[in-house]
């Protein structure tokens, strides 16, 4: 069972920053959203949702994203 969602006022800045960081890393790696999606086994739409701050990646997705981008998983954390 999932816990109650966090209030938007708390999570929104973090999710926006996480999505922005993911976009920065993807662009620095020279990948398009469809190319990154193919590398991690997801859809382009899912990558766009992550970058838009709609939700945070689950740990296993974060690990696959980091590997596809050639960075440590800690690099995905917002600055």
PDB file of N, CA and C in Angstrom:
ATOM      1  N   UNK A   1       0.837  -1.176   0.000  1.00  0.00           N
ATOM      2  CA  UNK A   1       0.000   0.000   0.000  1.00  0.00           C
ATOM      3  C   UNK A   1       0.883   1.241   0.000  1.00  0.00           C
ATOM      4  N   UNK A   2       0.542   2.196  -0.810  1.00  0.00           N
ATOM      5  CA  UNK A   2       1.312   3.427  -0.906  1.00  0.00           C
ATOM      6  C   UNK A   2       0.910   4.393   0.193  1.00  0.00           C
ATOM      7  N   UNK A   3       1.873   5.189   0.613  1.00  0.00           N
ATOM      8  CA  UNK A   3       1.589   6.227   1.589  1.00  0.00           C
ATOM      9  C   UNK A   3       0.851   7.382   0.935  1.00  0.00           C
ATOM     10  N   UNK A   4       0.443   8.298   1.740  1.00  0.00           N
ATOM     11  CA  UNK A   4      -0.245   9.472   1.203  1.00  0.00           C
ATOM     12  C   UNK A   4       0.734  10.317   0.411  1.00  0.00           C
ATOM     13  N   UNK A   5       0.289  10.914  -0.673  1.00  0.00           N
ATOM     14  CA  UNK A   5       1.201  11.753  -1.459  1.00  0.00           C
ATOM     15  C   UNK A   5       1.616  12.987  -0.665  1.00  0.00           C
ATOM     16  N   UNK A   6       2.806  13.458  -0.974  1.00  0.00           N
ATOM     17  CA  UNK A   6       3.294  14.667  -0.328  1.00  0.00           C
ATOM     18  C   UNK A   6       2.555  15.880  -0.882  1.00  0.00           C
ATOM     19  N   UNK A   7       2.393  16.916  -0.095  1.00  0.00           N
ATOM     20  CA  UNK A   7       1.743  18.120  -0.600  1.00  0.00           C
ATOM     21  C   UNK A   7       2.545  18.706  -1.765  1.00  0.00           C
ATOM     22  N   UNK A   8       1.859  19.230  -2.765  1.00  0.00           N
ATOM     23  CA  UNK A   8       2.537  19.775  -3.941  1.00  0.00           C
ATOM     24  C   UNK A   8       3.560  20.844  -3.584  1.00  0.00           C
ATOM     25  N   UNK A   9       3.284  21.638  -2.568  1.00  0.00           N
ATOM     26  CA  UNK A   9       4.211  22.689  -2.188  1.00  0.00           C
ATOM     27  C   UNK A   9       5.573  22.162  -1.785  1.00  0.00           C
ATOM     28  N   UNK A  10       5.632  20.908  -1.301  1.00  0.00           N
ATOM     29  CA  UNK A  10       6.898  20.326  -0.893  1.00  0.00           C
ATOM     30  C   UNK A  10       7.580  19.617  -2.051  1.00  0.00           C
ATOM     31  N   UNK A  11       6.854  18.817  -2.782  1.00  0.00           N
ATOM     32  CA  UNK A  11       7.497  17.983  -3.801  1.00  0.00           C
ATOM     33  C   UNK A  11       7.702  18.680  -5.132  1.00  0.00           C
ATOM     34  N   UNK A  12       6.900  19.649  -5.467  1.00  0.00           N
ATOM     35  CA  UNK A  12       6.990  20.267  -6.785  1.00  0.00           C
ATOM     36  C   UNK A  12       8.379  20.837  -7.079  1.00  0.00           C
ATOM     37  N   UNK A  13       8.992  21.626  -6.196  1.00  0.00           N
ATOM     38  CA  UNK A  13      10.332  22.134  -6.533  1.00  0.00           C
ATOM     39  C   UNK A  13      11.352  21.014  -6.733  1.00  0.00           C
ATOM     40  N   UNK A  14      11.278  19.956  -5.921  1.00  0.00           N
ATOM     41  CA  UNK A  14      12.221  18.850  -6.060  1.00  0.00           C
ATOM     42  C   UNK A  14      12.021  18.123  -7.387  1.00  0.00           C
ATOM     43  N   UNK A  15      10.780  17.814  -7.718  1.00  0.00           N
ATOM     44  CA  UNK A  15      10.520  17.089  -8.968  1.00  0.00           C
ATOM     45  C   UNK A  15      10.886  17.929 -10.179  1.00  0.00           C
ATOM     46  N   UNK A  16      10.609  19.231 -10.131  1.00  0.00           N
ATOM     47  CA  UNK A  16      11.002  20.104 -11.235  1.00  0.00           C
ATOM     48  C   UNK A  16      12.517  20.125 -11.399  1.00  0.00           C
ATOM     49  N   UNK A  17      13.242  20.212 -10.272  1.00  0.00           N
ATOM     50  CA  UNK A  17      14.701  20.233 -10.322  1.00  0.00           C
ATOM     51  C   UNK A  17      15.258  18.903 -10.813  1.00  0.00           C
ATOM     52  N   UNK A  18      14.641  17.795 -10.387  1.00  0.00           N
ATOM     53  CA  UNK A  18      15.070  16.474 -10.828  1.00  0.00           C
ATOM     54  C   UNK A  18      14.890  16.336 -12.345  1.00  0.00           C
ATOM     55  N   UNK A  19      13.748  16.762 -12.835  1.00  0.00           N
ATOM     56  CA  UNK A  19      13.495  16.695 -14.274  1.00  0.00           C
ATOM     57  C   UNK A  19      14.450  17.560 -15.071  1.00  0.00           C
ATOM     58  N   UNK A  20      14.736  18.744 -14.552  1.00  0.00           N
ATOM     59  CA  UNK A  20      15.671  19.647 -15.227  1.00  0.00           C
ATOM     60  C   UNK A  20      17.069  19.031 -15.258  1.00  0.00           C
ATOM     61  N   UNK A  21      17.481  18.412 -14.161  1.00  0.00           N
ATOM     62  CA  UNK A  21      18.796  17.768 -14.097  1.00  0.00           C
ATOM     63  C   UNK A  21      18.885  16.620 -15.096  1.00  0.00           C
ATOM     64  N   UNK A  22      17.835  15.817 -15.183  1.00  0.00           N
ATOM     65  CA  UNK A  22      17.810  14.715 -16.138  1.00  0.00           C
ATOM     66  C   UNK A  22      17.932  15.240 -17.564  1.00  0.00           C
ATOM     67  N   UNK A  23      17.200  16.300 -17.867  1.00  0.00           N
ATOM     68  CA  UNK A  23      17.272  16.901 -19.207  1.00  0.00           C
ATOM     69  C   UNK A  23      18.688  17.410 -19.496  1.00  0.00           C
ATOM     70  N   UNK A  24      19.311  18.069 -18.516  1.00  0.00           N
ATOM     71  CA  UNK A  24      20.681  18.565 -18.687  1.00  0.00           C
ATOM     72  C   UNK A  24      21.647  17.427 -19.002  1.00  0.00           C
ATOM     73  N   UNK A  25      21.554  16.350 -18.243  1.00  0.00           N
ATOM     74  CA  UNK A  25      22.445  15.208 -18.458  1.00  0.00           C
ATOM     75  C   UNK A  25      22.191  14.549 -19.808  1.00  0.00           C
ATOM     76  N   UNK A  26      20.924  14.440 -20.187  1.00  0.00           N
ATOM     77  CA  UNK A  26      20.592  13.825 -21.488  1.00  0.00           C
ATOM     78  C   UNK A  26      21.162  14.663 -22.621  1.00  0.00           C
ATOM     79  N   UNK A  27      20.976  15.984 -22.540  1.00  0.00           N
ATOM     80  CA  UNK A  27      21.484  16.865 -23.593  1.00  0.00           C
ATOM     81  C   UNK A  27      23.007  16.873 -23.625  1.00  0.00           C
ATOM     82  N   UNK A  28      23.655  16.835 -22.448  1.00  0.00           N
ATOM     83  CA  UNK A  28      25.112  16.790 -22.390  1.00  0.00           C
ATOM     84  C   UNK A  28      25.653  15.502 -23.015  1.00  0.00           C
ATOM     85  N   UNK A  29      24.886  14.423 -22.903  1.00  0.00           N
ATOM     86  CA  UNK A  29      25.282  13.146 -23.494  1.00  0.00           C
ATOM     87  C   UNK A  29      24.966  13.100 -24.988  1.00  0.00           C
ATOM     88  N   UNK A  30      24.289  14.123 -25.493  1.00  0.00           N
ATOM     89  CA  UNK A  30      23.952  14.175 -26.912  1.00  0.00           C
ATOM     90  C   UNK A  30      22.854  13.214 -27.318  1.00  0.00           C
ATOM     91  N   UNK A  31      21.946  12.926 -26.390  1.00  0.00           N
ATOM     92  CA  UNK A  31      20.865  11.988 -26.673  1.00  0.00           C
ATOM     93  C   UNK A  31      19.528  12.707 -26.776  1.00  0.00           C
ATOM     94  N   UNK A  32      18.686  12.231 -27.669  1.00  0.00           N
ATOM     95  CA  UNK A  32      17.307  12.710 -27.720  1.00  0.00           C
ATOM     96  C   UNK A  32      16.493  11.880 -26.734  1.00  0.00           C
ATOM     97  N   UNK A  33      15.296  12.331 -26.427  1.00  0.00           N
ATOM     98  CA  UNK A  33      14.427  11.573 -25.521  1.00  0.00           C
ATOM     99  C   UNK A  33      14.149  10.169 -26.067  1.00  0.00           C
ATOM    100  N   UNK A  34      13.852  10.008 -27.362  1.00  0.00           N
ATOM    101  CA  UNK A  34      13.630   8.646 -27.873  1.00  0.00           C
ATOM    102  C   UNK A  34      14.878   7.760 -27.771  1.00  0.00           C
ATOM    103  N   UNK A  35      16.074   8.340 -27.985  1.00  0.00           N
ATOM    104  CA  UNK A  35      17.304   7.548 -27.870  1.00  0.00           C
ATOM    105  C   UNK A  35      17.529   7.090 -26.434  1.00  0.00           C
ATOM    106  N   UNK A  36      17.310   7.992 -25.471  1.00  0.00           N
ATOM    107  CA  UNK A  36      17.463   7.620 -24.066  1.00  0.00           C
ATOM    108  C   UNK A  36      16.420   6.566 -23.683  1.00  0.00           C
ATOM    109  N   UNK A  37      15.205   6.741 -24.148  1.00  0.00           N
ATOM    110  CA  UNK A  37      14.145   5.777 -23.858  1.00  0.00           C
ATOM    111  C   UNK A  37      14.518   4.387 -24.365  1.00  0.00           C
ATOM    112  N   UNK A  38      15.069   4.310 -25.556  1.00  0.00           N
ATOM    113  CA  UNK A  38      15.470   3.016 -26.113  1.00  0.00           C
ATOM    114  C   UNK A  38      16.580   2.381 -25.286  1.00  0.00           C
ATOM    115  N   UNK A  39      17.502   3.197 -24.798  1.00  0.00           N
ATOM    116  CA  UNK A  39      18.609   2.669 -24.001  1.00  0.00           C
ATOM    117  C   UNK A  39      18.164   2.124 -22.646  1.00  0.00           C
ATOM    118  N   UNK A  40      17.131   2.721 -22.068  1.00  0.00           N
ATOM    119  CA  UNK A  40      16.704   2.281 -20.735  1.00  0.00           C
ATOM    120  C   UNK A  40      15.478   1.376 -20.765  1.00  0.00           C
ATOM    121  N   UNK A  41      14.934   1.141 -21.947  1.00  0.00           N
ATOM    122  CA  UNK A  41      13.802   0.224 -22.068  1.00  0.00           C
ATOM    123  C   UNK A  41      12.480   0.811 -21.615  1.00  0.00           C
ATOM    124  N   UNK A  42      12.240   2.062 -21.976  1.00  0.00           N
ATOM    125  CA  UNK A  42      10.979   2.708 -21.644  1.00  0.00           C
ATOM    126  C   UNK A  42      10.494   3.473 -22.874  1.00  0.00           C
ATOM    127  N   UNK A  43       9.510   4.306 -22.689  1.00  0.00           N
ATOM    128  CA  UNK A  43       8.970   5.066 -23.813  1.00  0.00           C
ATOM    129  C   UNK A  43       9.445   6.510 -23.786  1.00  0.00           C
ATOM    130  N   UNK A  44       9.378   7.138 -24.918  1.00  0.00           N
ATOM    131  CA  UNK A  44       9.716   8.564 -25.031  1.00  0.00           C
ATOM    132  C   UNK A  44       8.807   9.378 -24.115  1.00  0.00           C
ATOM    133  N   UNK A  45       7.551   8.985 -24.060  1.00  0.00           N
ATOM    134  CA  UNK A  45       6.579   9.674 -23.211  1.00  0.00           C
ATOM    135  C   UNK A  45       6.987   9.617 -21.741  1.00  0.00           C
ATOM    136  N   UNK A  46       7.492   8.470 -21.295  1.00  0.00           N
ATOM    137  CA  UNK A  46       7.931   8.329 -19.913  1.00  0.00           C
ATOM    138  C   UNK A  46       9.110   9.263 -19.628  1.00  0.00           C
ATOM    139  N   UNK A  47      10.057   9.351 -20.552  1.00  0.00           N
ATOM    140  CA  UNK A  47      11.204  10.261 -20.387  1.00  0.00           C
ATOM    141  C   UNK A  47      10.708  11.699 -20.297  1.00  0.00           C
ATOM    142  N   UNK A  48       9.770  12.071 -21.158  1.00  0.00           N
ATOM    143  CA  UNK A  48       9.229  13.436 -21.121  1.00  0.00           C
ATOM    144  C   UNK A  48       8.516  13.710 -19.792  1.00  0.00           C
ATOM    145  N   UNK A  49       7.803  12.722 -19.267  1.00  0.00           N
ATOM    146  CA  UNK A  49       7.133  12.905 -17.973  1.00  0.00           C
ATOM    147  C   UNK A  49       8.144  13.079 -16.845  1.00  0.00           C
ATOM    148  N   UNK A  50       9.233  12.315 -16.876  1.00  0.00           N
ATOM    149  CA  UNK A  50      10.278  12.474 -15.866  1.00  0.00           C
ATOM    150  C   UNK A  50      10.892  13.868 -15.949  1.00  0.00           C
ATOM    151  N   UNK A  51      11.178  14.311 -17.179  1.00  0.00           N
ATOM    152  CA  UNK A  51      11.793  15.622 -17.371  1.00  0.00           C
ATOM    153  C   UNK A  51      10.842  16.761 -17.036  1.00  0.00           C
ATOM    154  N   UNK A  52       9.553  16.523 -17.156  1.00  0.00           N
ATOM    155  CA  UNK A  52       8.559  17.558 -16.842  1.00  0.00           C
ATOM    156  C   UNK A  52       8.245  17.609 -15.349  1.00  0.00           C
ATOM    157  N   UNK A  53       8.838  16.709 -14.574  1.00  0.00           N
ATOM    158  CA  UNK A  53       8.597  16.707 -13.137  1.00  0.00           C
ATOM    159  C   UNK A  53       7.261  16.116 -12.744  1.00  0.00           C
ATOM    160  N   UNK A  54       6.691  15.283 -13.611  1.00  0.00           N
ATOM    161  CA  UNK A  54       5.408  14.652 -13.287  1.00  0.00           C
ATOM    162  C   UNK A  54       5.557  13.610 -12.183  1.00  0.00           C
ATOM    163  N   UNK A  55       6.726  12.935 -12.154  1.00  0.00           N
ATOM    164  CA  UNK A  55       7.022  11.971 -11.105  1.00  0.00           C
ATOM    165  C   UNK A  55       8.515  11.693 -11.086  1.00  0.00           C
ATOM    166  N   UNK A  56       8.974  11.124  -9.993  1.00  0.00           N
ATOM    167  CA  UNK A  56      10.391  10.776  -9.867  1.00  0.00           C
ATOM    168  C   UNK A  56      10.606   9.343 -10.352  1.00  0.00           C
ATOM    169  N   UNK A  57      11.780   9.049 -10.886  1.00  0.00           N
ATOM    170  CA  UNK A  57      12.034   7.671 -11.314  1.00  0.00           C
ATOM    171  C   UNK A  57      12.178   6.744 -10.115  1.00  0.00           C
ATOM    172  N   UNK A  58      11.701   5.532 -10.266  1.00  0.00           N
ATOM    173  CA  UNK A  58      11.909   4.511  -9.240  1.00  0.00           C
ATOM    174  C   UNK A  58      13.401   4.179  -9.212  1.00  0.00           C
ATOM    175  N   UNK A  59      13.883   3.599  -8.119  1.00  0.00           N
ATOM    176  CA  UNK A  59      15.327   3.318  -8.007  1.00  0.00           C
ATOM    177  C   UNK A  59      15.909   2.519  -9.171  1.00  0.00           C
ATOM    178  N   UNK A  60      15.190   1.502  -9.625  1.00  0.00           N
ATOM    179  CA  UNK A  60      15.729   0.703 -10.735  1.00  0.00           C
ATOM    180  C   UNK A  60      15.790   1.513 -12.032  1.00  0.00           C
ATOM    181  N   UNK A  61      14.830   2.418 -12.241  1.00  0.00           N
ATOM    182  CA  UNK A  61      14.858   3.278 -13.425  1.00  0.00           C
ATOM    183  C   UNK A  61      15.984   4.294 -13.298  1.00  0.00           C
ATOM    184  N   UNK A  62      16.188   4.835 -12.106  1.00  0.00           N
ATOM    185  CA  UNK A  62      17.279   5.788 -11.889  1.00  0.00           C
ATOM    186  C   UNK A  62      18.619   5.131 -12.207  1.00  0.00           C
ATOM    187  N   UNK A  63      18.793   3.877 -11.810  1.00  0.00           N
ATOM    188  CA  UNK A  63      20.036   3.155 -12.094  1.00  0.00           C
ATOM    189  C   UNK A  63      20.220   2.966 -13.602  1.00  0.00           C
ATOM    190  N   UNK A  64      19.146   2.619 -14.307  1.00  0.00           N
ATOM    191  CA  UNK A  64      19.241   2.437 -15.764  1.00  0.00           C
ATOM    192  C   UNK A  64      19.506   3.767 -16.467  1.00  0.00           C
ATOM    193  N   UNK A  65      18.859   4.853 -16.000  1.00  0.00           N
ATOM    194  CA  UNK A  65      19.099   6.171 -16.584  1.00  0.00           C
ATOM    195  C   UNK A  65      20.559   6.582 -16.405  1.00  0.00           C
ATOM    196  N   UNK A  66      21.081   6.406 -15.194  1.00  0.00           N
ATOM    197  CA  UNK A  66      22.472   6.778 -14.925  1.00  0.00           C
ATOM    198  C   UNK A  66      23.430   5.983 -15.814  1.00  0.00           C
ATOM    199  N   UNK A  67      23.197   4.683 -15.942  1.00  0.00           N
ATOM    200  CA  UNK A  67      24.057   3.855 -16.779  1.00  0.00           C
ATOM    201  C   UNK A  67      23.992   4.301 -18.241  1.00  0.00           C
ATOM    202  N   UNK A  68      22.799   4.606 -18.721  1.00  0.00           N
ATOM    203  CA  UNK A  68      22.641   5.034 -20.115  1.00  0.00           C
ATOM    204  C   UNK A  68      23.298   6.384 -20.363  1.00  0.00           C
ATOM    205  N   UNK A  69      23.329   7.228 -19.336  1.00  0.00           N
ATOM    206  CA  UNK A  69      23.936   8.556 -19.467  1.00  0.00           C
ATOM    207  C   UNK A  69      25.422   8.548 -19.138  1.00  0.00           C
ATOM    208  N   UNK A  70      25.923   7.423 -18.637  1.00  0.00           N
ATOM    209  CA  UNK A  70      27.337   7.309 -18.302  1.00  0.00           C
ATOM    210  C   UNK A  70      27.737   8.109 -17.075  1.00  0.00           C
ATOM    211  N   UNK A  71      26.814   8.203 -16.116  1.00  0.00           N
ATOM    212  CA  UNK A  71      27.089   8.952 -14.878  1.00  0.00           C
ATOM    213  C   UNK A  71      26.756   8.078 -13.683  1.00  0.00           C
ATOM    214  N   UNK A  72      27.244   8.499 -12.521  1.00  0.00           N
ATOM    215  CA  UNK A  72      26.875   7.849 -11.275  1.00  0.00           C
ATOM    216  C   UNK A  72      25.428   8.220 -10.964  1.00  0.00           C
ATOM    217  N   UNK A  73      24.703   7.338 -10.338  1.00  0.00           N
ATOM    218  CA  UNK A  73      23.285   7.605 -10.038  1.00  0.00           C
ATOM    219  C   UNK A  73      23.121   8.865  -9.190  1.00  0.00           C
ATOM    220  N   UNK A  74      24.101   9.201  -8.366  1.00  0.00           N
ATOM    221  CA  UNK A  74      24.029  10.408  -7.555  1.00  0.00           C
ATOM    222  C   UNK A  74      24.025  11.670  -8.407  1.00  0.00           C
ATOM    223  N   UNK A  75      24.504  11.596  -9.639  1.00  0.00           N
ATOM    224  CA  UNK A  75      24.502  12.754 -10.538  1.00  0.00           C
ATOM    225  C   UNK A  75      23.092  13.163 -10.933  1.00  0.00           C
ATOM    226  N   UNK A  76      22.130  12.256 -10.778  1.00  0.00           N
ATOM    227  CA  UNK A  76      20.735  12.584 -11.112  1.00  0.00           C
ATOM    228  C   UNK A  76      20.081  13.471 -10.067  1.00  0.00           C
ATOM    229  N   UNK A  77      20.658  13.525  -8.874  1.00  0.00           N
ATOM    230  CA  UNK A  77      20.085  14.370  -7.824  1.00  0.00           C
ATOM    231  C   UNK A  77      20.162  15.826  -8.243  1.00  0.00           C
ATOM    232  N   UNK A  78      19.106  16.575  -7.981  1.00  0.00           N
ATOM    233  CA  UNK A  78      19.154  18.005  -8.282  1.00  0.00           C
ATOM    234  C   UNK A  78      20.239  18.689  -7.466  1.00  0.00           C
ATOM    235  N   UNK A  79      20.812  19.726  -8.040  1.00  0.00           N
ATOM    236  CA  UNK A  79      21.865  20.473  -7.334  1.00  0.00           C
ATOM    237  C   UNK A  79      21.273  21.400  -6.326  1.00  0.00           C
TER     238      UNK A  79
END
